[in-house]
N, C-alpha and C. Protein backbone atom coordinates (compact mmCIF):
# COMPACT_ATOMS: atom_id res chain seq x y z
N MET A 1 -3.78 12.52 9.26
CA MET A 1 -3.35 11.40 8.45
C MET A 1 -2.36 10.55 9.23
N ASP A 2 -2.40 9.28 8.94
CA ASP A 2 -1.57 8.34 9.66
C ASP A 2 -0.24 8.14 8.92
N PRO A 3 0.90 8.53 9.51
CA PRO A 3 2.19 8.37 8.85
C PRO A 3 2.75 6.95 8.92
N VAL A 4 2.06 6.05 9.61
CA VAL A 4 2.55 4.69 9.80
C VAL A 4 2.21 3.86 8.56
N PRO A 5 3.19 3.15 7.97
CA PRO A 5 2.93 2.41 6.74
C PRO A 5 2.12 1.13 6.95
N ALA A 6 1.41 0.77 5.89
CA ALA A 6 0.66 -0.49 5.83
C ALA A 6 0.90 -1.10 4.45
N LEU A 7 0.71 -2.39 4.35
CA LEU A 7 0.87 -3.08 3.07
C LEU A 7 -0.43 -2.93 2.28
N TYR A 8 -0.33 -2.40 1.06
CA TYR A 8 -1.49 -2.15 0.21
C TYR A 8 -1.43 -2.95 -1.08
N VAL A 9 -2.62 -3.32 -1.57
CA VAL A 9 -2.79 -3.90 -2.90
C VAL A 9 -3.59 -2.89 -3.71
N ILE A 10 -3.07 -2.53 -4.89
CA ILE A 10 -3.73 -1.59 -5.78
C ILE A 10 -3.92 -2.30 -7.12
N ARG A 11 -5.17 -2.47 -7.51
CA ARG A 11 -5.49 -3.17 -8.77
C ARG A 11 -5.88 -2.14 -9.82
N LEU A 12 -5.23 -2.25 -10.99
CA LEU A 12 -5.48 -1.36 -12.12
C LEU A 12 -5.98 -2.17 -13.31
N LYS A 13 -6.90 -1.60 -14.07
CA LYS A 13 -7.44 -2.29 -15.23
C LYS A 13 -6.39 -2.31 -16.35
N GLY A 14 -6.20 -3.48 -16.93
CA GLY A 14 -5.25 -3.64 -18.03
C GLY A 14 -3.90 -4.15 -17.57
N GLN A 15 -3.16 -4.67 -18.50
CA GLN A 15 -1.81 -5.16 -18.22
C GLN A 15 -0.82 -4.07 -18.58
N LEU A 16 -0.30 -3.40 -17.55
CA LEU A 16 0.62 -2.29 -17.78
C LEU A 16 1.98 -2.80 -18.24
N GLY A 17 2.58 -2.06 -19.14
CA GLY A 17 3.91 -2.39 -19.64
C GLY A 17 4.99 -1.73 -18.80
N PRO A 18 6.24 -1.99 -19.16
CA PRO A 18 7.38 -1.45 -18.39
C PRO A 18 7.38 0.08 -18.28
N SER A 19 6.96 0.77 -19.31
CA SER A 19 6.96 2.24 -19.28
C SER A 19 6.00 2.76 -18.21
N ALA A 20 4.78 2.26 -18.20
CA ALA A 20 3.80 2.70 -17.19
C ALA A 20 4.21 2.25 -15.79
N LEU A 21 4.75 1.04 -15.68
CA LEU A 21 5.15 0.52 -14.37
C LEU A 21 6.32 1.30 -13.77
N SER A 22 7.11 1.95 -14.62
CA SER A 22 8.25 2.74 -14.12
C SER A 22 7.79 3.92 -13.27
N ALA A 23 6.51 4.28 -13.34
CA ALA A 23 5.96 5.36 -12.52
C ALA A 23 5.75 4.92 -11.07
N PHE A 24 5.89 3.61 -10.81
CA PHE A 24 5.63 3.06 -9.47
C PHE A 24 6.83 2.23 -8.99
N PRO A 25 8.01 2.86 -8.85
CA PRO A 25 9.22 2.10 -8.53
C PRO A 25 9.22 1.44 -7.15
N ALA A 26 8.43 1.95 -6.22
CA ALA A 26 8.43 1.40 -4.87
C ALA A 26 7.47 0.22 -4.71
N LEU A 27 6.75 -0.12 -5.79
CA LEU A 27 5.75 -1.18 -5.70
C LEU A 27 6.13 -2.39 -6.53
N VAL A 28 5.74 -3.55 -6.07
CA VAL A 28 5.94 -4.79 -6.81
C VAL A 28 4.72 -4.98 -7.70
N SER A 29 4.94 -5.34 -8.96
CA SER A 29 3.82 -5.49 -9.89
C SER A 29 3.71 -6.92 -10.38
N ARG A 30 2.47 -7.30 -10.70
CA ARG A 30 2.22 -8.60 -11.34
C ARG A 30 0.91 -8.47 -12.11
N TRP A 31 0.78 -9.30 -13.12
CA TRP A 31 -0.48 -9.36 -13.85
C TRP A 31 -1.35 -10.42 -13.22
N GLN A 32 -2.63 -10.13 -13.10
CA GLN A 32 -3.60 -11.10 -12.60
C GLN A 32 -4.81 -11.00 -13.54
N GLY A 33 -4.92 -12.00 -14.41
CA GLY A 33 -5.95 -11.94 -15.44
C GLY A 33 -5.65 -10.77 -16.36
N THR A 34 -6.64 -9.90 -16.55
CA THR A 34 -6.45 -8.74 -17.42
C THR A 34 -6.06 -7.49 -16.65
N ASP A 35 -5.81 -7.61 -15.35
CA ASP A 35 -5.46 -6.47 -14.51
C ASP A 35 -4.00 -6.51 -14.09
N THR A 36 -3.52 -5.36 -13.66
CA THR A 36 -2.19 -5.24 -13.06
C THR A 36 -2.39 -5.00 -11.57
N VAL A 37 -1.67 -5.75 -10.76
CA VAL A 37 -1.76 -5.61 -9.30
C VAL A 37 -0.43 -5.08 -8.78
N LEU A 38 -0.49 -3.96 -8.07
CA LEU A 38 0.67 -3.36 -7.44
C LEU A 38 0.58 -3.60 -5.95
N THR A 39 1.69 -3.98 -5.33
CA THR A 39 1.71 -4.25 -3.90
C THR A 39 2.92 -3.55 -3.28
N GLY A 40 2.71 -2.95 -2.11
CA GLY A 40 3.83 -2.33 -1.44
C GLY A 40 3.46 -1.74 -0.11
N LEU A 41 4.47 -1.42 0.67
CA LEU A 41 4.32 -0.81 1.98
C LEU A 41 4.26 0.70 1.80
N LEU A 42 3.11 1.30 2.15
CA LEU A 42 2.90 2.73 1.91
C LEU A 42 2.32 3.40 3.15
N ASP A 43 2.82 4.60 3.46
CA ASP A 43 2.13 5.41 4.46
C ASP A 43 1.06 6.20 3.71
N SER A 44 0.25 6.96 4.42
CA SER A 44 -0.87 7.63 3.76
C SER A 44 -0.40 8.64 2.71
N SER A 45 0.69 9.32 2.95
CA SER A 45 1.22 10.27 1.98
C SER A 45 1.65 9.56 0.69
N ALA A 46 2.37 8.45 0.84
CA ALA A 46 2.81 7.68 -0.33
C ALA A 46 1.61 7.09 -1.07
N LEU A 47 0.60 6.63 -0.34
CA LEU A 47 -0.59 6.08 -0.97
C LEU A 47 -1.28 7.13 -1.84
N PHE A 48 -1.45 8.35 -1.30
CA PHE A 48 -2.08 9.40 -2.08
C PHE A 48 -1.21 9.80 -3.27
N GLY A 49 0.10 9.71 -3.13
CA GLY A 49 0.99 9.98 -4.26
C GLY A 49 0.82 8.95 -5.37
N VAL A 50 0.70 7.68 -5.00
CA VAL A 50 0.47 6.62 -6.00
C VAL A 50 -0.88 6.85 -6.69
N LEU A 51 -1.90 7.17 -5.92
CA LEU A 51 -3.23 7.39 -6.51
C LEU A 51 -3.22 8.61 -7.43
N ALA A 52 -2.47 9.64 -7.09
CA ALA A 52 -2.35 10.81 -7.96
C ALA A 52 -1.65 10.44 -9.27
N GLU A 53 -0.65 9.58 -9.19
CA GLU A 53 0.06 9.12 -10.39
C GLU A 53 -0.86 8.28 -11.27
N VAL A 54 -1.67 7.43 -10.65
CA VAL A 54 -2.65 6.63 -11.40
C VAL A 54 -3.57 7.57 -12.18
N GLU A 55 -4.07 8.61 -11.52
CA GLU A 55 -4.96 9.57 -12.17
C GLU A 55 -4.23 10.34 -13.28
N ALA A 56 -2.99 10.79 -13.00
CA ALA A 56 -2.23 11.56 -13.99
C ALA A 56 -1.95 10.75 -15.26
N LEU A 57 -1.78 9.44 -15.10
CA LEU A 57 -1.52 8.58 -16.25
C LEU A 57 -2.80 8.14 -16.96
N GLY A 58 -3.95 8.49 -16.39
CA GLY A 58 -5.22 8.12 -17.00
C GLY A 58 -5.54 6.63 -16.87
N LEU A 59 -5.01 6.00 -15.82
CA LEU A 59 -5.25 4.58 -15.61
C LEU A 59 -6.56 4.38 -14.86
N GLU A 60 -7.19 3.23 -15.08
CA GLU A 60 -8.45 2.94 -14.41
C GLU A 60 -8.19 2.15 -13.13
N LEU A 61 -8.56 2.75 -12.01
CA LEU A 61 -8.39 2.14 -10.70
C LEU A 61 -9.55 1.19 -10.44
N VAL A 62 -9.23 -0.06 -10.11
CA VAL A 62 -10.24 -1.08 -9.84
C VAL A 62 -10.42 -1.26 -8.33
N GLU A 63 -9.30 -1.28 -7.59
CA GLU A 63 -9.37 -1.58 -6.16
C GLU A 63 -8.15 -1.03 -5.43
N VAL A 64 -8.36 -0.56 -4.21
CA VAL A 64 -7.29 -0.22 -3.28
C VAL A 64 -7.66 -0.89 -1.97
N ARG A 65 -6.77 -1.72 -1.46
CA ARG A 65 -7.11 -2.49 -0.26
C ARG A 65 -5.87 -2.66 0.61
N PRO A 66 -5.97 -2.34 1.90
CA PRO A 66 -4.85 -2.64 2.80
C PRO A 66 -4.83 -4.13 3.12
N LEU A 67 -3.64 -4.72 3.09
CA LEU A 67 -3.49 -6.13 3.47
C LEU A 67 -3.20 -6.28 4.95
N THR A 68 -2.63 -5.23 5.54
CA THR A 68 -2.31 -5.26 6.96
C THR A 68 -2.77 -3.97 7.58
N GLN A 69 -3.00 -4.01 8.87
CA GLN A 69 -3.28 -2.79 9.61
C GLN A 69 -1.99 -1.99 9.72
N PRO A 70 -2.08 -0.67 9.82
CA PRO A 70 -0.87 0.13 10.00
C PRO A 70 -0.08 -0.35 11.21
N ARG A 71 1.23 -0.33 11.07
CA ARG A 71 2.10 -0.74 12.18
C ARG A 71 2.24 0.41 13.15
N ARG A 72 2.00 0.13 14.40
CA ARG A 72 2.12 1.16 15.43
C ARG A 72 3.03 0.64 16.54
N PRO A 73 3.81 1.54 17.12
CA PRO A 73 4.60 1.10 18.27
C PRO A 73 3.67 0.78 19.42
N PRO A 74 4.01 -0.20 20.25
CA PRO A 74 3.13 -0.55 21.37
C PRO A 74 3.00 0.61 22.35
N GLY A 75 1.80 0.83 22.81
CA GLY A 75 1.55 1.87 23.80
C GLY A 75 1.57 1.28 25.20
N PRO A 76 1.41 2.10 26.23
CA PRO A 76 1.47 1.61 27.60
C PRO A 76 0.40 0.57 27.91
N GLY A 77 -0.76 0.65 27.30
CA GLY A 77 -1.82 -0.31 27.57
C GLY A 77 -1.73 -1.56 26.71
N ASP A 78 -0.72 -1.65 25.84
CA ASP A 78 -0.59 -2.77 24.91
C ASP A 78 0.32 -3.87 25.41
N MET A 79 0.76 -3.83 26.64
CA MET A 79 1.68 -4.83 27.15
C MET A 79 1.00 -6.19 27.21
N THR A 80 1.71 -7.22 26.80
CA THR A 80 1.15 -8.57 26.81
C THR A 80 1.35 -9.23 28.16
N HIS A 81 2.28 -8.75 28.93
CA HIS A 81 2.48 -9.28 30.28
C HIS A 81 3.01 -8.16 31.15
N ARG A 82 2.84 -8.29 32.41
CA ARG A 82 3.31 -7.25 33.33
C ARG A 82 4.34 -7.87 34.27
N LEU A 83 5.26 -7.03 34.64
CA LEU A 83 6.28 -7.46 35.59
C LEU A 83 5.65 -7.53 36.98
N GLU A 84 6.00 -8.54 37.74
CA GLU A 84 5.49 -8.66 39.10
C GLU A 84 6.25 -7.71 40.01
N GLN A 85 5.53 -7.08 40.89
CA GLN A 85 6.16 -6.19 41.87
C GLN A 85 6.69 -7.01 43.03
N PRO A 86 7.88 -6.69 43.56
CA PRO A 86 8.43 -7.43 44.72
C PRO A 86 7.64 -7.19 45.98
């Protein structure tokens, strides 16, 4: 599993109220039409925790989508420029 966080959008069916939303304190929520959209930076462990909470609350999951690729530190082959040798 990848421990590096990525920005995720999680869409749930229905407009969740404050009580249900309190189960997701690390996520920003908004209503979009008849759905609730949760957005936040999650690593894979946190993502699975959110999905487990969705299931435990009996909520209907509509979509889970990463908005960004996981952030990784640059590796040796990722250099954008090289220093010139004297």
